[in-house]
Amino acid sequence: MTDLRKVRRTEERAVSASGEDPTGLVVAFLTELLNLEQTEQFIGREIEARPVGNPPTAIVASVSGERFDPERHTSRTEVKAVTFHHLVFDTAHGRARVIVDI
């Protein structure tokens, strides 16, 4: 959505989410981050997250970044929503593939 190299870590936001399973948790957490951008124009640069449960069904995170500044930040493709479409969440290897609606 923008060049993260130009985003400074000047503010922090607490973000939490929960889901019925790890896949639902991924969608819920990314949706919370998207809502933060859409409602407060806050762009996260760094995330420190702690999963809750085994397998994880909740997450508590601290997101550092700053509000979008059109003078310094380029506006790229806007993400409209996070979807379950072809979502892959691999807890064993610590990676995920998520397709978003733009």
N, C-alpha and C. Protein backbone atom coordinates (compact mmCIF):
# COMPACT_ATOMS: atom_id res chain seq x y z
N MET A 1 0.81 -1.19 0.00
CA MET A 1 0.00 0.00 0.00
C MET A 1 0.86 1.26 0.00
N THR A 2 2.09 1.15 0.55
CA THR A 2 3.06 2.24 0.51
C THR A 2 4.46 1.65 0.69
N ASP A 3 5.46 2.48 0.52
CA ASP A 3 6.85 2.05 0.69
C ASP A 3 7.18 2.08 2.18
N LEU A 4 7.31 0.91 2.79
CA LEU A 4 7.55 0.83 4.23
C LEU A 4 8.89 1.40 4.65
N ARG A 5 9.82 1.52 3.73
CA ARG A 5 11.12 2.11 4.08
C ARG A 5 10.98 3.56 4.50
N LYS A 6 9.90 4.21 4.11
CA LYS A 6 9.68 5.61 4.45
C LYS A 6 8.79 5.79 5.69
N VAL A 7 8.33 4.69 6.26
CA VAL A 7 7.47 4.75 7.44
C VAL A 7 8.34 4.71 8.69
N ARG A 8 8.14 5.70 9.54
CA ARG A 8 8.90 5.78 10.79
C ARG A 8 8.12 5.11 11.93
N ARG A 9 8.84 4.67 12.94
CA ARG A 9 8.22 4.06 14.12
C ARG A 9 8.06 5.14 15.20
N THR A 10 7.09 6.03 15.03
CA THR A 10 6.91 7.13 15.96
C THR A 10 5.75 6.90 16.94
N GLU A 11 4.86 5.96 16.63
CA GLU A 11 3.71 5.68 17.48
C GLU A 11 3.52 4.17 17.58
N GLU A 12 2.74 3.76 18.61
CA GLU A 12 2.41 2.34 18.76
C GLU A 12 0.91 2.18 18.91
N ARG A 13 0.42 1.06 18.41
CA ARG A 13 -0.99 0.69 18.57
C ARG A 13 -1.04 -0.75 19.06
N ALA A 14 -1.97 -1.03 19.95
CA ALA A 14 -2.22 -2.40 20.39
C ALA A 14 -3.29 -3.00 19.46
N VAL A 15 -3.03 -4.19 18.97
CA VAL A 15 -3.97 -4.87 18.08
C VAL A 15 -4.14 -6.29 18.59
N SER A 16 -5.39 -6.73 18.66
CA SER A 16 -5.65 -8.12 19.03
C SER A 16 -6.74 -8.67 18.12
N ALA A 17 -6.74 -9.98 17.99
CA ALA A 17 -7.74 -10.65 17.16
C ALA A 17 -7.88 -12.08 17.62
N SER A 18 -9.00 -12.68 17.25
CA SER A 18 -9.21 -14.10 17.55
C SER A 18 -9.95 -14.74 16.39
N GLY A 19 -9.79 -16.05 16.28
CA GLY A 19 -10.46 -16.81 15.23
C GLY A 19 -10.73 -18.22 15.73
N GLU A 20 -11.60 -18.91 15.04
CA GLU A 20 -11.95 -20.28 15.45
C GLU A 20 -10.79 -21.25 15.26
N ASP A 21 -9.89 -20.92 14.34
CA ASP A 21 -8.74 -21.77 14.05
C ASP A 21 -7.63 -20.86 13.53
N PRO A 22 -6.42 -21.38 13.33
CA PRO A 22 -5.32 -20.52 12.87
C PRO A 22 -5.62 -19.78 11.57
N THR A 23 -6.31 -20.41 10.65
CA THR A 23 -6.64 -19.75 9.38
C THR A 23 -7.57 -18.56 9.62
N GLY A 24 -8.59 -18.76 10.43
CA GLY A 24 -9.49 -17.66 10.77
C GLY A 24 -8.78 -16.56 11.52
N LEU A 25 -7.80 -16.93 12.33
CA LEU A 25 -7.01 -15.95 13.07
C LEU A 25 -6.20 -15.07 12.13
N VAL A 26 -5.60 -15.67 11.10
CA VAL A 26 -4.82 -14.90 10.12
C VAL A 26 -5.71 -13.83 9.48
N VAL A 27 -6.89 -14.24 9.03
CA VAL A 27 -7.80 -13.29 8.38
C VAL A 27 -8.25 -12.22 9.37
N ALA A 28 -8.59 -12.61 10.59
CA ALA A 28 -9.04 -11.65 11.60
C ALA A 28 -7.95 -10.63 11.94
N PHE A 29 -6.71 -11.11 12.11
CA PHE A 29 -5.61 -10.21 12.47
C PHE A 29 -5.29 -9.24 11.33
N LEU A 30 -5.20 -9.75 10.11
CA LEU A 30 -4.92 -8.87 8.97
C LEU A 30 -6.05 -7.88 8.75
N THR A 31 -7.28 -8.30 9.02
CA THR A 31 -8.42 -7.38 8.92
C THR A 31 -8.32 -6.28 9.96
N GLU A 32 -7.87 -6.61 11.16
CA GLU A 32 -7.66 -5.58 12.19
C GLU A 32 -6.60 -4.58 11.75
N LEU A 33 -5.51 -5.06 11.16
CA LEU A 33 -4.47 -4.15 10.67
C LEU A 33 -5.01 -3.27 9.54
N LEU A 34 -5.81 -3.84 8.67
CA LEU A 34 -6.42 -3.07 7.57
C LEU A 34 -7.38 -2.02 8.14
N ASN A 35 -8.16 -2.39 9.14
CA ASN A 35 -9.07 -1.42 9.77
C ASN A 35 -8.31 -0.27 10.41
N LEU A 36 -7.17 -0.56 10.99
CA LEU A 36 -6.33 0.48 11.58
C LEU A 36 -5.88 1.48 10.51
N GLU A 37 -5.53 0.96 9.36
CA GLU A 37 -5.12 1.84 8.26
C GLU A 37 -6.31 2.63 7.74
N GLN A 38 -7.45 2.00 7.61
CA GLN A 38 -8.61 2.67 7.02
C GLN A 38 -9.26 3.68 7.95
N THR A 39 -9.27 3.41 9.25
CA THR A 39 -9.95 4.31 10.19
C THR A 39 -9.05 5.40 10.75
N GLU A 40 -7.77 5.06 10.98
CA GLU A 40 -6.84 6.03 11.57
C GLU A 40 -5.73 6.46 10.62
N GLN A 41 -5.71 5.89 9.41
CA GLN A 41 -4.63 6.11 8.45
C GLN A 41 -3.28 5.79 9.06
N PHE A 42 -3.26 4.79 9.94
CA PHE A 42 -2.04 4.36 10.61
C PHE A 42 -1.38 3.26 9.80
N ILE A 43 -0.10 3.46 9.48
CA ILE A 43 0.66 2.49 8.70
C ILE A 43 1.65 1.81 9.63
N GLY A 44 1.53 0.52 9.74
CA GLY A 44 2.44 -0.23 10.59
C GLY A 44 3.76 -0.50 9.88
N ARG A 45 4.84 -0.31 10.60
CA ARG A 45 6.18 -0.59 10.08
C ARG A 45 6.74 -1.87 10.67
N GLU A 46 6.47 -2.08 11.97
CA GLU A 46 7.00 -3.25 12.68
C GLU A 46 5.92 -3.80 13.60
N ILE A 47 5.84 -5.12 13.66
CA ILE A 47 4.83 -5.79 14.49
C ILE A 47 5.52 -6.77 15.43
N GLU A 48 5.21 -6.67 16.70
CA GLU A 48 5.63 -7.67 17.68
C GLU A 48 4.35 -8.38 18.12
N ALA A 49 4.25 -9.66 17.78
CA ALA A 49 3.02 -10.39 18.04
C ALA A 49 3.26 -11.60 18.93
N ARG A 50 2.25 -11.89 19.74
CA ARG A 50 2.30 -13.07 20.61
C ARG A 50 1.04 -13.89 20.36
N PRO A 51 1.21 -15.09 19.77
CA PRO A 51 0.05 -15.96 19.58
C PRO A 51 -0.42 -16.54 20.91
N VAL A 52 -1.71 -16.82 21.01
CA VAL A 52 -2.30 -17.37 22.22
C VAL A 52 -2.99 -18.68 21.85
N GLY A 53 -2.65 -19.75 22.54
CA GLY A 53 -3.26 -21.05 22.32
C GLY A 53 -2.37 -21.95 21.48
N ASN A 54 -2.70 -23.24 21.51
CA ASN A 54 -1.95 -24.21 20.72
C ASN A 54 -2.93 -25.24 20.15
N PRO A 55 -3.31 -25.13 18.89
CA PRO A 55 -2.86 -24.15 17.92
C PRO A 55 -3.41 -22.76 18.24
N PRO A 56 -2.76 -21.72 17.73
CA PRO A 56 -3.18 -20.36 18.07
C PRO A 56 -4.58 -20.03 17.55
N THR A 57 -5.40 -19.46 18.44
CA THR A 57 -6.72 -18.98 18.06
C THR A 57 -6.91 -17.52 18.45
N ALA A 58 -5.87 -16.90 18.99
CA ALA A 58 -5.89 -15.48 19.32
C ALA A 58 -4.47 -14.94 19.18
N ILE A 59 -4.40 -13.62 19.05
CA ILE A 59 -3.10 -12.97 18.94
C ILE A 59 -3.18 -11.59 19.59
N VAL A 60 -2.12 -11.23 20.27
CA VAL A 60 -1.97 -9.91 20.88
C VAL A 60 -0.71 -9.31 20.28
N ALA A 61 -0.82 -8.09 19.77
CA ALA A 61 0.33 -7.51 19.07
C ALA A 61 0.49 -6.03 19.39
N SER A 62 1.71 -5.58 19.22
CA SER A 62 2.05 -4.17 19.28
C SER A 62 2.55 -3.78 17.90
N VAL A 63 1.93 -2.76 17.32
CA VAL A 63 2.28 -2.32 15.97
C VAL A 63 2.88 -0.93 16.07
N SER A 64 4.11 -0.78 15.58
CA SER A 64 4.73 0.55 15.58
C SER A 64 4.78 1.07 14.16
N GLY A 65 4.55 2.37 14.04
CA GLY A 65 4.51 3.01 12.73
C GLY A 65 4.10 4.47 12.89
N GLU A 66 3.37 4.96 11.91
CA GLU A 66 2.91 6.35 11.95
C GLU A 66 1.71 6.54 11.05
N ARG A 67 1.08 7.70 11.18
CA ARG A 67 -0.05 8.03 10.31
C ARG A 67 0.45 8.32 8.90
N PHE A 68 -0.36 7.99 7.92
CA PHE A 68 -0.04 8.23 6.53
C PHE A 68 0.14 9.73 6.30
N ASP A 69 1.24 10.10 5.67
CA ASP A 69 1.54 11.49 5.35
C ASP A 69 1.76 11.58 3.84
N PRO A 70 0.81 12.16 3.10
CA PRO A 70 0.94 12.21 1.64
C PRO A 70 2.18 12.97 1.15
N GLU A 71 2.79 13.78 2.03
CA GLU A 71 4.01 14.49 1.67
C GLU A 71 5.22 13.54 1.60
N ARG A 72 5.18 12.47 2.40
CA ARG A 72 6.31 11.54 2.47
C ARG A 72 5.99 10.14 1.97
N HIS A 73 4.75 9.73 2.05
CA HIS A 73 4.38 8.36 1.70
C HIS A 73 3.69 8.32 0.34
N THR A 74 4.12 7.37 -0.48
CA THR A 74 3.46 7.18 -1.76
C THR A 74 2.22 6.32 -1.55
N SER A 75 1.19 6.62 -2.29
CA SER A 75 -0.04 5.84 -2.21
C SER A 75 -0.04 4.83 -3.34
N ARG A 76 -0.04 3.56 -2.97
CA ARG A 76 -0.03 2.48 -3.96
C ARG A 76 -1.41 1.84 -4.02
N THR A 77 -1.48 0.59 -4.36
CA THR A 77 -2.74 -0.11 -4.49
C THR A 77 -3.44 -0.23 -3.14
N GLU A 78 -4.72 0.15 -3.10
CA GLU A 78 -5.49 0.07 -1.86
C GLU A 78 -6.04 -1.34 -1.67
N VAL A 79 -5.87 -1.88 -0.50
CA VAL A 79 -6.43 -3.18 -0.15
C VAL A 79 -7.82 -2.94 0.43
N LYS A 80 -8.82 -3.62 -0.13
CA LYS A 80 -10.20 -3.45 0.33
C LYS A 80 -10.57 -4.44 1.43
N ALA A 81 -10.07 -5.68 1.31
CA ALA A 81 -10.45 -6.71 2.29
C ALA A 81 -9.46 -7.86 2.25
N VAL A 82 -9.42 -8.60 3.35
CA VAL A 82 -8.62 -9.82 3.45
C VAL A 82 -9.60 -10.99 3.26
N THR A 83 -9.20 -11.99 2.48
CA THR A 83 -10.12 -13.08 2.16
C THR A 83 -9.57 -14.44 2.59
N PHE A 84 -10.46 -15.42 2.62
CA PHE A 84 -10.07 -16.81 2.87
C PHE A 84 -9.70 -17.52 1.57
N HIS A 85 -9.90 -16.87 0.44
CA HIS A 85 -9.69 -17.48 -0.87
C HIS A 85 -8.24 -17.95 -1.04
N HIS A 86 -8.04 -19.25 -1.18
CA HIS A 86 -6.73 -19.89 -1.36
C HIS A 86 -5.74 -19.56 -0.23
N LEU A 87 -6.24 -19.24 0.95
CA LEU A 87 -5.37 -18.92 2.07
C LEU A 87 -4.64 -20.18 2.53
N VAL A 88 -3.33 -20.04 2.73
CA VAL A 88 -2.51 -21.13 3.24
C VAL A 88 -1.79 -20.61 4.47
N PHE A 89 -1.93 -21.33 5.58
CA PHE A 89 -1.26 -20.94 6.82
C PHE A 89 -0.49 -22.15 7.32
N ASP A 90 0.82 -22.07 7.30
CA ASP A 90 1.70 -23.18 7.65
C ASP A 90 2.39 -22.86 8.97
N THR A 91 1.81 -23.33 10.08
CA THR A 91 2.38 -23.04 11.39
C THR A 91 3.72 -23.72 11.60
N ALA A 92 3.90 -24.89 11.00
CA ALA A 92 5.17 -25.62 11.17
C ALA A 92 6.36 -24.85 10.62
N HIS A 93 6.15 -24.11 9.54
CA HIS A 93 7.23 -23.36 8.90
C HIS A 93 7.12 -21.85 9.13
N GLY A 94 6.08 -21.42 9.84
CA GLY A 94 5.93 -20.00 10.17
C GLY A 94 5.70 -19.12 8.96
N ARG A 95 4.85 -19.58 8.04
CA ARG A 95 4.57 -18.74 6.86
C ARG A 95 3.11 -18.87 6.45
N ALA A 96 2.68 -17.91 5.67
CA ALA A 96 1.30 -17.89 5.19
C ALA A 96 1.26 -17.28 3.79
N ARG A 97 0.22 -17.64 3.05
CA ARG A 97 -0.06 -17.00 1.77
C ARG A 97 -1.49 -16.50 1.85
N VAL A 98 -1.67 -15.21 1.63
CA VAL A 98 -2.98 -14.59 1.75
C VAL A 98 -3.27 -13.80 0.48
N ILE A 99 -4.45 -13.96 -0.04
CA ILE A 99 -4.89 -13.18 -1.19
C ILE A 99 -5.85 -12.11 -0.68
N VAL A 100 -5.63 -10.87 -1.09
CA VAL A 100 -6.48 -9.77 -0.65
C VAL A 100 -7.29 -9.23 -1.82
N ASP A 101 -8.43 -8.61 -1.48
CA ASP A 101 -9.24 -7.92 -2.49
C ASP A 101 -8.71 -6.50 -2.64
N ILE A 102 -8.50 -6.10 -3.90
CA ILE A 102 -8.03 -4.74 -4.14
C ILE A 102 -9.04 -3.98 -4.98
